[in-house]
Amino acid sequence: MIAIIDYGVGNLLSVAKALEHIGSQAIVTSRKEDIQSADGVIVPGVGAFGDAMLSLRQRELLDPVITHAQSGKPLLGICLGMQLLFSESEEHGIHAGLDLIPGRVVRMQGTYKIPQVGWNQLQMERPHPVVEQVGEGEFAYFVHSYYAVPKDSSVIIATTDYHQAVPAIVAKDNVIGMQFHPEKSAATGLKLLTNFATWVRTGGGSSC
């Protein structure tokens, strides 16, 4: 069972529908008990970093999420959910994150269009079970103004080129993040979610 965390911020129904489409059993929940018993957890998200962390804290979901990650079971952060995996963000001030992947989230800077909205190609940096059968240059759907800067670049699984190399998929042991929306990324997104669901069934962990 995969628990999709409902903390008042996120594309909950579209993520749930995508998992249903690939035949994966999932529930949308804000119950600590469901998170504790889940084989895998998804932290979705749209909106502001600080508000999302506040909502997780107010709903007493921070400890269950961190405990799940520390247990070695797979955890996936999507879009804002990926950014929450990092140590801190500079969005509207400095806000502490879940600190599951060392690094910080910073705002895009330049004369180009911000936010990045639309389809962009994935460039694979290293193998991982979640990107199996996902080819070089496949497209994913992005909507974001901030991006992650990991302390250790070896956690970067894939990047996308948006006037700079932007981390698109990151992974540290059993924790993985996708800056784009796999649930809105057509066949490529479904392959990634299928791989994550398979990874959950096989126990996850640092098998790359």
C-alpha atoms as a PDB file:
ATOM      1  CA  MET A   1       0.000   0.000   0.000  1.00  0.00           C
ATOM      2  CA  ILE A   2       1.205   3.487  -0.925  1.00  0.00           C
ATOM      3  CA  ALA A   3       0.061   6.393   1.245  1.00  0.00           C
ATOM      4  CA  ILE A   4      -0.380   9.737  -0.539  1.00  0.00           C
ATOM      5  CA  ILE A   5      -0.113  12.337   2.198  1.00  0.00           C
ATOM      6  CA  ASP A   6      -2.941  14.851   2.393  1.00  0.00           C
ATOM      7  CA  TYR A   7      -1.597  17.918   4.184  1.00  0.00           C
ATOM      8  CA  GLY A   8      -3.793  20.462   2.455  1.00  0.00           C
ATOM      9  CA  VAL A   9      -1.307  21.164  -0.349  1.00  0.00           C
ATOM     10  CA  GLY A  10      -1.015  19.075  -3.462  1.00  0.00           C
ATOM     11  CA  ASN A  11      -2.338  17.332  -6.547  1.00  0.00           C
ATOM     12  CA  LEU A  12      -3.804  14.517  -4.504  1.00  0.00           C
ATOM     13  CA  LEU A  13      -6.522  13.233  -6.810  1.00  0.00           C
ATOM     14  CA  SER A  14      -4.414  13.290  -9.970  1.00  0.00           C
ATOM     15  CA  VAL A  15      -1.619  11.347  -8.229  1.00  0.00           C
ATOM     16  CA  ALA A  16      -4.147   8.846  -6.866  1.00  0.00           C
ATOM     17  CA  LYS A  17      -5.768   8.444 -10.306  1.00  0.00           C
ATOM     18  CA  ALA A  18      -2.383   7.862 -11.940  1.00  0.00           C
ATOM     19  CA  LEU A  19      -1.549   5.126  -9.413  1.00  0.00           C
ATOM     20  CA  GLU A  20      -4.986   3.589  -9.918  1.00  0.00           C
ATOM     21  CA  HIS A  21      -4.369   3.621 -13.677  1.00  0.00           C
ATOM     22  CA  ILE A  22      -1.178   1.568 -13.307  1.00  0.00           C
ATOM     23  CA  GLY A  23      -2.892  -0.867 -10.946  1.00  0.00           C
ATOM     24  CA  SER A  24      -1.136   0.223  -7.768  1.00  0.00           C
ATOM     25  CA  GLN A  25      -2.989   0.213  -4.452  1.00  0.00           C
ATOM     26  CA  ALA A  26      -2.918   3.653  -2.824  1.00  0.00           C
ATOM     27  CA  ILE A  27      -4.820   5.786  -0.343  1.00  0.00           C
ATOM     28  CA  VAL A  28      -5.001   9.530   0.207  1.00  0.00           C
ATOM     29  CA  THR A  29      -4.599  10.086   3.923  1.00  0.00           C
ATOM     30  CA  SER A  30      -3.630  12.430   6.728  1.00  0.00           C
ATOM     31  CA  ARG A  31      -3.705   9.692   9.378  1.00  0.00           C
ATOM     32  CA  LYS A  32      -0.423   8.929  11.104  1.00  0.00           C
ATOM     33  CA  GLU A  33      -1.425   5.284  11.406  1.00  0.00           C
ATOM     34  CA  ASP A  34      -1.774   4.946   7.624  1.00  0.00           C
ATOM     35  CA  ILE A  35       1.658   6.455   7.053  1.00  0.00           C
ATOM     36  CA  GLN A  36       3.226   4.179   9.653  1.00  0.00           C
ATOM     37  CA  SER A  37       1.739   1.050   8.082  1.00  0.00           C
ATOM     38  CA  ALA A  38       2.340   2.038   4.435  1.00  0.00           C
ATOM     39  CA  ASP A  39       4.922   0.248   2.311  1.00  0.00           C
ATOM     40  CA  GLY A  40       5.646   3.494   0.474  1.00  0.00           C
ATOM     41  CA  VAL A  41       4.764   7.158   0.892  1.00  0.00           C
ATOM     42  CA  ILE A  42       4.253   9.977  -1.606  1.00  0.00           C
ATOM     43  CA  VAL A  43       4.535  13.630  -0.554  1.00  0.00           C
ATOM     44  CA  PRO A  44       2.904  15.678  -3.334  1.00  0.00           C
ATOM     45  CA  GLY A  45       2.751  19.442  -3.331  1.00  0.00           C
ATOM     46  CA  VAL A  46       2.024  22.732  -5.014  1.00  0.00           C
ATOM     47  CA  GLY A  47       2.407  26.150  -3.426  1.00  0.00           C
ATOM     48  CA  ALA A  48       4.924  27.702  -1.046  1.00  0.00           C
ATOM     49  CA  PHE A  49       7.617  25.798   0.871  1.00  0.00           C
ATOM     50  CA  GLY A  50       7.049  27.511   4.239  1.00  0.00           C
ATOM     51  CA  ASP A  51       3.287  27.037   4.124  1.00  0.00           C
ATOM     52  CA  ALA A  52       3.709  23.362   3.274  1.00  0.00           C
ATOM     53  CA  MET A  53       6.087  22.744   6.183  1.00  0.00           C
ATOM     54  CA  LEU A  54       3.729  24.617   8.523  1.00  0.00           C
ATOM     55  CA  SER A  55       0.810  22.484   7.375  1.00  0.00           C
ATOM     56  CA  LEU A  56       2.768  19.252   7.925  1.00  0.00           C
ATOM     57  CA  ARG A  57       3.713  20.471  11.388  1.00  0.00           C
ATOM     58  CA  GLN A  58       0.188  21.560  12.343  1.00  0.00           C
ATOM     59  CA  ARG A  59      -1.254  18.239  11.227  1.00  0.00           C
ATOM     60  CA  GLU A  60       1.445  16.387  13.212  1.00  0.00           C
ATOM     61  CA  LEU A  61       2.712  14.664  10.074  1.00  0.00           C
ATOM     62  CA  LEU A  62       6.392  15.665  10.220  1.00  0.00           C
ATOM     63  CA  ASP A  63       7.462  12.863  12.544  1.00  0.00           C
ATOM     64  CA  PRO A  64       5.538  10.127  10.674  1.00  0.00           C
ATOM     65  CA  VAL A  65       7.091  11.183   7.353  1.00  0.00           C
ATOM     66  CA  ILE A  66      10.618  11.347   8.768  1.00  0.00           C
ATOM     67  CA  THR A  67      10.168   8.063  10.639  1.00  0.00           C
ATOM     68  CA  HIS A  68       8.956   6.396   7.441  1.00  0.00           C
ATOM     69  CA  ALA A  69      12.035   7.631   5.578  1.00  0.00           C
ATOM     70  CA  GLN A  70      14.352   6.521   8.369  1.00  0.00           C
ATOM     71  CA  SER A  71      12.766   3.057   8.347  1.00  0.00           C
ATOM     72  CA  GLY A  72      14.218   2.429   4.888  1.00  0.00           C
ATOM     73  CA  LYS A  73      10.852   2.224   3.135  1.00  0.00           C
ATOM     74  CA  PRO A  74      10.511   4.187  -0.131  1.00  0.00           C
ATOM     75  CA  LEU A  75       9.394   7.814  -0.040  1.00  0.00           C
ATOM     76  CA  LEU A  76       8.701   9.940  -3.123  1.00  0.00           C
ATOM     77  CA  GLY A  77       8.411  13.733  -3.137  1.00  0.00           C
ATOM     78  CA  ILE A  78       6.703  15.345  -6.150  1.00  0.00           C
ATOM     79  CA  CYS A  79       7.295  18.977  -7.220  1.00  0.00           C
ATOM     80  CA  LEU A  80       7.074  21.003  -3.983  1.00  0.00           C
ATOM     81  CA  GLY A  81       7.166  17.627  -2.229  1.00  0.00           C
ATOM     82  CA  MET A  82      10.631  17.036  -3.702  1.00  0.00           C
ATOM     83  CA  GLN A  83      11.812  20.429  -2.461  1.00  0.00           C
ATOM     84  CA  LEU A  84      10.569  19.633   1.044  1.00  0.00           C
ATOM     85  CA  LEU A  85      13.018  16.713   1.156  1.00  0.00           C
ATOM     86  CA  PHE A  86      15.934  19.162   1.360  1.00  0.00           C
ATOM     87  CA  SER A  87      17.446  20.911   4.358  1.00  0.00           C
ATOM     88  CA  GLU A  88      16.052  24.376   3.691  1.00  0.00           C
ATOM     89  CA  SER A  89      14.506  26.746   1.174  1.00  0.00           C
ATOM     90  CA  GLU A  90      14.975  30.450   0.526  1.00  0.00           C
ATOM     91  CA  GLU A  91      11.383  30.876  -0.713  1.00  0.00           C
ATOM     92  CA  HIS A  92       9.903  33.925   1.082  1.00  0.00           C
ATOM     93  CA  GLY A  93      12.612  33.780   3.746  1.00  0.00           C
ATOM     94  CA  ILE A  94      14.636  30.841   5.028  1.00  0.00           C
ATOM     95  CA  HIS A  95      12.549  27.824   6.007  1.00  0.00           C
ATOM     96  CA  ALA A  96      13.757  24.479   7.337  1.00  0.00           C
ATOM     97  CA  GLY A  97      12.783  21.403   5.355  1.00  0.00           C
ATOM     98  CA  LEU A  98      12.638  17.703   6.161  1.00  0.00           C
ATOM     99  CA  ASP A  99      16.448  17.468   5.802  1.00  0.00           C
ATOM    100  CA  LEU A 100      16.271  13.979   4.285  1.00  0.00           C
ATOM    101  CA  ILE A 101      18.614  15.093   1.490  1.00  0.00           C
ATOM    102  CA  PRO A 102      21.278  17.676   2.430  1.00  0.00           C
ATOM    103  CA  GLY A 103      21.014  20.812   0.328  1.00  0.00           C
ATOM    104  CA  ARG A 104      18.915  23.909  -0.215  1.00  0.00           C
ATOM    105  CA  VAL A 105      16.203  25.155  -2.535  1.00  0.00           C
ATOM    106  CA  VAL A 106      16.886  28.426  -4.361  1.00  0.00           C
ATOM    107  CA  ARG A 107      15.018  30.685  -6.770  1.00  0.00           C
ATOM    108  CA  MET A 108      15.768  30.674 -10.475  1.00  0.00           C
ATOM    109  CA  GLN A 109      17.628  33.819 -11.516  1.00  0.00           C
ATOM    110  CA  GLY A 110      17.865  35.333 -14.987  1.00  0.00           C
ATOM    111  CA  THR A 111      16.143  37.213 -17.768  1.00  0.00           C
ATOM    112  CA  TYR A 112      14.337  34.090 -18.974  1.00  0.00           C
ATOM    113  CA  LYS A 113      10.719  33.225 -18.156  1.00  0.00           C
ATOM    114  CA  ILE A 114      10.108  32.314 -14.508  1.00  0.00           C
ATOM    115  CA  PRO A 115       8.388  30.077 -13.493  1.00  0.00           C
ATOM    116  CA  GLN A 116       9.372  27.241 -15.745  1.00  0.00           C
ATOM    117  CA  VAL A 117       6.043  25.934 -17.035  1.00  0.00           C
ATOM    118  CA  GLY A 118       5.683  23.196 -19.598  1.00  0.00           C
ATOM    119  CA  TRP A 119       7.302  20.134 -21.095  1.00  0.00           C
ATOM    120  CA  ASN A 120      11.059  19.689 -20.831  1.00  0.00           C
ATOM    121  CA  GLN A 121      13.425  16.843 -21.582  1.00  0.00           C
ATOM    122  CA  LEU A 122      15.102  14.622 -19.016  1.00  0.00           C
ATOM    123  CA  GLN A 123      18.841  13.997 -19.191  1.00  0.00           C
ATOM    124  CA  MET A 124      19.903  10.902 -17.278  1.00  0.00           C
ATOM    125  CA  GLU A 125      22.913  11.322 -14.985  1.00  0.00           C
ATOM    126  CA  ARG A 126      23.081   7.895 -13.346  1.00  0.00           C
ATOM    127  CA  PRO A 127      21.001   4.707 -13.112  1.00  0.00           C
ATOM    128  CA  HIS A 128      18.313   4.087 -10.532  1.00  0.00           C
ATOM    129  CA  PRO A 129      15.461   1.558 -10.305  1.00  0.00           C
ATOM    130  CA  VAL A 130      12.868   4.332 -10.662  1.00  0.00           C
ATOM    131  CA  VAL A 131      14.203   5.445 -14.070  1.00  0.00           C
ATOM    132  CA  GLU A 132      14.479   1.997 -15.637  1.00  0.00           C
ATOM    133  CA  GLN A 133      13.218   1.988 -19.253  1.00  0.00           C
ATOM    134  CA  VAL A 134      12.965   5.793 -19.230  1.00  0.00           C
ATOM    135  CA  GLY A 135      14.971   6.950 -22.223  1.00  0.00           C
ATOM    136  CA  GLU A 136      17.326   9.879 -22.630  1.00  0.00           C
ATOM    137  CA  GLY A 137      15.420  12.970 -23.748  1.00  0.00           C
ATOM    138  CA  GLU A 138      11.937  11.863 -22.714  1.00  0.00           C
ATOM    139  CA  PHE A 139       9.655  14.727 -21.738  1.00  0.00           C
ATOM    140  CA  ALA A 140       8.143  15.579 -18.340  1.00  0.00           C
ATOM    141  CA  TYR A 141       5.844  18.396 -17.244  1.00  0.00           C
ATOM    142  CA  PHE A 142       7.369  21.065 -14.977  1.00  0.00           C
ATOM    143  CA  VAL A 143       5.804  23.969 -13.031  1.00  0.00           C
ATOM    144  CA  HIS A 144       8.232  25.683 -10.641  1.00  0.00           C
ATOM    145  CA  SER A 145      10.189  28.848  -9.827  1.00  0.00           C
ATOM    146  CA  TYR A 146      12.611  27.268  -7.335  1.00  0.00           C
ATOM    147  CA  TYR A 147      15.001  24.358  -7.737  1.00  0.00           C
ATOM    148  CA  ALA A 148      17.105  22.155  -5.494  1.00  0.00           C
ATOM    149  CA  VAL A 149      20.869  22.468  -5.063  1.00  0.00           C
ATOM    150  CA  PRO A 150      22.015  19.246  -3.370  1.00  0.00           C
ATOM    151  CA  LYS A 151      25.089  19.367  -1.156  1.00  0.00           C
ATOM    152  CA  ASP A 152      26.262  16.158  -2.821  1.00  0.00           C
ATOM    153  CA  SER A 153      25.726  16.157  -6.595  1.00  0.00           C
ATOM    154  CA  SER A 154      25.833  12.342  -6.672  1.00  0.00           C
ATOM    155  CA  VAL A 155      22.178  12.301  -5.538  1.00  0.00           C
ATOM    156  CA  ILE A 156      21.137  13.746  -8.920  1.00  0.00           C
ATOM    157  CA  ILE A 157      19.589  11.003 -11.085  1.00  0.00           C
ATOM    158  CA  ALA A 158      18.360  13.233 -13.916  1.00  0.00           C
ATOM    159  CA  THR A 159      18.497  16.888 -14.889  1.00  0.00           C
ATOM    160  CA  THR A 160      16.567  19.123 -17.255  1.00  0.00           C
ATOM    161  CA  ASP A 161      17.988  22.041 -19.192  1.00  0.00           C
ATOM    162  CA  TYR A 162      16.193  25.288 -18.397  1.00  0.00           C
ATOM    163  CA  HIS A 163      18.881  27.925 -19.010  1.00  0.00           C
ATOM    164  CA  GLN A 164      20.956  25.838 -16.609  1.00  0.00           C
ATOM    165  CA  ALA A 165      21.076  22.237 -15.444  1.00  0.00           C
ATOM    166  CA  VAL A 166      18.133  21.839 -13.070  1.00  0.00           C
ATOM    167  CA  PRO A 167      17.910  18.678 -10.921  1.00  0.00           C
ATOM    168  CA  ALA A 168      14.801  16.859 -12.135  1.00  0.00           C
ATOM    169  CA  ILE A 169      15.113  13.576 -10.216  1.00  0.00           C
ATOM    170  CA  VAL A 170      17.142  13.075  -7.048  1.00  0.00           C
ATOM    171  CA  ALA A 171      17.599  10.056  -4.815  1.00  0.00           C
ATOM    172  CA  LYS A 172      19.358   9.267  -1.560  1.00  0.00           C
ATOM    173  CA  ASP A 173      18.960   5.683  -0.400  1.00  0.00           C
ATOM    174  CA  ASN A 174      15.181   5.072  -0.130  1.00  0.00           C
ATOM    175  CA  VAL A 175      14.196   8.742  -0.610  1.00  0.00           C
ATOM    176  CA  ILE A 176      13.516  10.026  -4.112  1.00  0.00           C
ATOM    177  CA  GLY A 177      12.227  13.306  -5.498  1.00  0.00           C
ATOM    178  CA  MET A 178      10.847  14.438  -8.858  1.00  0.00           C
ATOM    179  CA  GLN A 179      10.745  18.181  -9.549  1.00  0.00           C
ATOM    180  CA  PHE A 180       8.175  17.678 -12.311  1.00  0.00           C
ATOM    181  CA  HIS A 181       4.689  16.158 -12.088  1.00  0.00           C
ATOM    182  CA  PRO A 182       4.846  12.481 -13.149  1.00  0.00           C
ATOM    183  CA  GLU A 183       1.050  12.289 -12.850  1.00  0.00           C
ATOM    184  CA  LYS A 184       0.820  14.917 -15.620  1.00  0.00           C
ATOM    185  CA  SER A 185       3.716  13.619 -17.721  1.00  0.00           C
ATOM    186  CA  ALA A 186       1.840  11.151 -19.945  1.00  0.00           C
ATOM    187  CA  ALA A 187       3.545   7.827 -20.725  1.00  0.00           C
ATOM    188  CA  THR A 188       6.892   8.877 -19.239  1.00  0.00           C
ATOM    189  CA  GLY A 189       5.267   9.805 -15.935  1.00  0.00           C
ATOM    190  CA  LEU A 190       3.347   6.536 -15.807  1.00  0.00           C
ATOM    191  CA  LYS A 191       6.576   4.580 -16.365  1.00  0.00           C
ATOM    192  CA  LEU A 192       8.218   6.442 -13.491  1.00  0.00           C
ATOM    193  CA  LEU A 193       5.261   5.845 -11.164  1.00  0.00           C
ATOM    194  CA  THR A 194       5.148   2.181 -12.207  1.00  0.00           C
ATOM    195  CA  ASN A 195       8.840   1.866 -11.382  1.00  0.00           C
ATOM    196  CA  PHE A 196       8.284   3.535  -8.011  1.00  0.00           C
ATOM    197  CA  ALA A 197       5.400   1.172  -7.224  1.00  0.00           C
ATOM    198  CA  THR A 198       7.609  -1.795  -8.180  1.00  0.00           C
ATOM    199  CA  TRP A 199      10.403  -0.399  -5.998  1.00  0.00           C
ATOM    200  CA  VAL A 200       7.914  -0.200  -3.108  1.00  0.00           C
ATOM    201  CA  ARG A 201       6.853  -3.809  -3.602  1.00  0.00           C
ATOM    202  CA  THR A 202      10.459  -4.994  -3.637  1.00  0.00           C
ATOM    203  CA  GLY A 203      11.403  -3.074  -0.510  1.00  0.00           C
ATOM    204  CA  GLY A 204      13.173  -0.018  -1.962  1.00  0.00           C
ATOM    205  CA  GLY A 205      16.495   1.059  -0.500  1.00  0.00           C
ATOM    206  CA  SER A 206      19.752   1.968  -2.178  1.00  0.00           C
ATOM    207  CA  SER A 207      19.658  -0.647  -4.937  1.00  0.00           C
ATOM    208  CA  CYS A 208      21.233   1.576  -7.601  1.00  0.00           C
END
